[in-house]
């Protein structure tokens, strides 16, 4: 099946990719992967990400460069943890 994937990059701007896919799930996976690259960093591997979460929980701080390399989802999880720690430590 031929599909066109449009990824918003800015207001009124997008990247368009046209390709052949086997299934709808393949289209969705491609969209998620490409979208992640345009939103936030490309993501840390599991070990680096676990180290970042552990550091934040144990020391209450993180590395700004490492944070910028995280995917949007990884950054969102860190922010949820950060807010939770603040609420618990009131």
C-alpha atoms as a PDB file:
ATOM      1  CA  UNK A   1       0.000   0.000   0.000  1.00  0.00           C
ATOM      2  CA  UNK A   2       1.234   3.485  -0.818  1.00  0.00           C
ATOM      3  CA  UNK A   3       0.987   6.042   1.996  1.00  0.00           C
ATOM      4  CA  UNK A   4       1.954   9.668   2.521  1.00  0.00           C
ATOM      5  CA  UNK A   5       3.156  10.678   5.967  1.00  0.00           C
ATOM      6  CA  UNK A   6       3.025  14.353   6.935  1.00  0.00           C
ATOM      7  CA  UNK A   7       4.911  15.475  10.005  1.00  0.00           C
ATOM      8  CA  UNK A   8       4.211  19.006  11.293  1.00  0.00           C
ATOM      9  CA  UNK A   9       7.458  20.877  11.898  1.00  0.00           C
ATOM     10  CA  UNK A  10       6.259  24.435  12.522  1.00  0.00           C
ATOM     11  CA  UNK A  11       3.012  26.329  12.271  1.00  0.00           C
ATOM     12  CA  UNK A  12       1.864  25.957   8.655  1.00  0.00           C
ATOM     13  CA  UNK A  13       4.895  23.786   7.816  1.00  0.00           C
ATOM     14  CA  UNK A  14       5.385  20.051   7.488  1.00  0.00           C
ATOM     15  CA  UNK A  15       7.622  17.346   6.069  1.00  0.00           C
ATOM     16  CA  UNK A  16       5.973  14.928   3.670  1.00  0.00           C
ATOM     17  CA  UNK A  17       7.234  11.407   3.011  1.00  0.00           C
ATOM     18  CA  UNK A  18       5.673   9.049   0.491  1.00  0.00           C
ATOM     19  CA  UNK A  19       6.533   5.347   0.570  1.00  0.00           C
ATOM     20  CA  UNK A  20       5.212   1.810   0.144  1.00  0.00           C
ATOM     21  CA  UNK A  21       4.152  -0.093   3.266  1.00  0.00           C
ATOM     22  CA  UNK A  22       2.980  -3.643   3.898  1.00  0.00           C
ATOM     23  CA  UNK A  23       0.384  -2.876   6.594  1.00  0.00           C
ATOM     24  CA  UNK A  24      -1.298   0.022   8.364  1.00  0.00           C
ATOM     25  CA  UNK A  25       0.782  -0.796  11.433  1.00  0.00           C
ATOM     26  CA  UNK A  26       3.935  -0.254   9.363  1.00  0.00           C
ATOM     27  CA  UNK A  27       2.636   3.182   8.389  1.00  0.00           C
ATOM     28  CA  UNK A  28       1.923   4.039  12.032  1.00  0.00           C
ATOM     29  CA  UNK A  29       5.359   2.789  13.147  1.00  0.00           C
ATOM     30  CA  UNK A  30       7.056   4.880  10.443  1.00  0.00           C
ATOM     31  CA  UNK A  31       5.014   7.927  11.460  1.00  0.00           C
ATOM     32  CA  UNK A  32       5.913   7.489  15.149  1.00  0.00           C
ATOM     33  CA  UNK A  33       9.610   7.069  14.376  1.00  0.00           C
ATOM     34  CA  UNK A  34       9.811  10.082  12.066  1.00  0.00           C
ATOM     35  CA  UNK A  35       7.640  12.227  14.335  1.00  0.00           C
ATOM     36  CA  UNK A  36       9.922  11.478  17.303  1.00  0.00           C
ATOM     37  CA  UNK A  37      12.928  12.719  15.364  1.00  0.00           C
ATOM     38  CA  UNK A  38      11.266  16.107  14.767  1.00  0.00           C
ATOM     39  CA  UNK A  39       9.945  16.484  18.317  1.00  0.00           C
ATOM     40  CA  UNK A  40      12.706  16.656  20.904  1.00  0.00           C
ATOM     41  CA  UNK A  41      15.834  14.600  20.469  1.00  0.00           C
ATOM     42  CA  UNK A  42      15.993  11.218  18.846  1.00  0.00           C
ATOM     43  CA  UNK A  43      15.950   9.530  22.232  1.00  0.00           C
ATOM     44  CA  UNK A  44      18.374   7.883  24.602  1.00  0.00           C
ATOM     45  CA  UNK A  45      18.919   4.161  24.608  1.00  0.00           C
ATOM     46  CA  UNK A  46      17.468   2.233  27.566  1.00  0.00           C
ATOM     47  CA  UNK A  47      20.674   2.223  29.645  1.00  0.00           C
ATOM     48  CA  UNK A  48      21.315   5.962  29.260  1.00  0.00           C
ATOM     49  CA  UNK A  49      17.691   6.764  29.972  1.00  0.00           C
ATOM     50  CA  UNK A  50      17.630   4.560  33.080  1.00  0.00           C
ATOM     51  CA  UNK A  51      20.813   6.278  34.275  1.00  0.00           C
ATOM     52  CA  UNK A  52      19.199   9.695  33.741  1.00  0.00           C
ATOM     53  CA  UNK A  53      16.062   8.711  35.677  1.00  0.00           C
ATOM     54  CA  UNK A  54      18.135   7.152  38.488  1.00  0.00           C
ATOM     55  CA  UNK A  55      20.298  10.277  38.715  1.00  0.00           C
ATOM     56  CA  UNK A  56      17.268  12.529  38.943  1.00  0.00           C
ATOM     57  CA  UNK A  57      15.644  10.387  41.630  1.00  0.00           C
ATOM     58  CA  UNK A  58      18.814  10.037  43.714  1.00  0.00           C
ATOM     59  CA  UNK A  59      20.374  13.488  43.241  1.00  0.00           C
ATOM     60  CA  UNK A  60      17.388  15.636  42.272  1.00  0.00           C
ATOM     61  CA  UNK A  61      19.171  16.929  39.183  1.00  0.00           C
ATOM     62  CA  UNK A  62      19.991  15.964  35.623  1.00  0.00           C
ATOM     63  CA  UNK A  63      22.284  16.742  32.718  1.00  0.00           C
ATOM     64  CA  UNK A  64      20.884  19.406  30.364  1.00  0.00           C
ATOM     65  CA  UNK A  65      22.670  17.981  27.304  1.00  0.00           C
ATOM     66  CA  UNK A  66      21.350  14.525  28.067  1.00  0.00           C
ATOM     67  CA  UNK A  67      17.838  15.959  28.478  1.00  0.00           C
ATOM     68  CA  UNK A  68      17.998  17.586  25.038  1.00  0.00           C
ATOM     69  CA  UNK A  69      18.949  14.243  23.469  1.00  0.00           C
ATOM     70  CA  UNK A  70      15.842  12.583  24.924  1.00  0.00           C
ATOM     71  CA  UNK A  71      12.788  11.963  22.800  1.00  0.00           C
ATOM     72  CA  UNK A  72       9.691  14.011  23.562  1.00  0.00           C
ATOM     73  CA  UNK A  73       8.178  11.007  25.365  1.00  0.00           C
ATOM     74  CA  UNK A  74      11.295  10.551  27.513  1.00  0.00           C
ATOM     75  CA  UNK A  75      11.298  14.267  28.381  1.00  0.00           C
ATOM     76  CA  UNK A  76       7.612  14.089  29.319  1.00  0.00           C
ATOM     77  CA  UNK A  77       8.245  11.176  31.691  1.00  0.00           C
ATOM     78  CA  UNK A  78      11.105  13.076  33.359  1.00  0.00           C
ATOM     79  CA  UNK A  79       8.800  16.080  33.819  1.00  0.00           C
ATOM     80  CA  UNK A  80       6.095  13.882  35.394  1.00  0.00           C
ATOM     81  CA  UNK A  81       8.673  12.442  37.803  1.00  0.00           C
ATOM     82  CA  UNK A  82       9.979  15.937  38.589  1.00  0.00           C
ATOM     83  CA  UNK A  83       6.494  17.208  39.466  1.00  0.00           C
ATOM     84  CA  UNK A  84       5.776  14.097  41.538  1.00  0.00           C
ATOM     85  CA  UNK A  85       8.974  14.513  43.561  1.00  0.00           C
ATOM     86  CA  UNK A  86       8.072  18.171  44.240  1.00  0.00           C
ATOM     87  CA  UNK A  87       4.595  17.196  45.459  1.00  0.00           C
ATOM     88  CA  UNK A  88       5.934  14.423  47.703  1.00  0.00           C
ATOM     89  CA  UNK A  89       8.630  16.654  49.242  1.00  0.00           C
ATOM     90  CA  UNK A  90       6.323  19.562  50.135  1.00  0.00           C
END
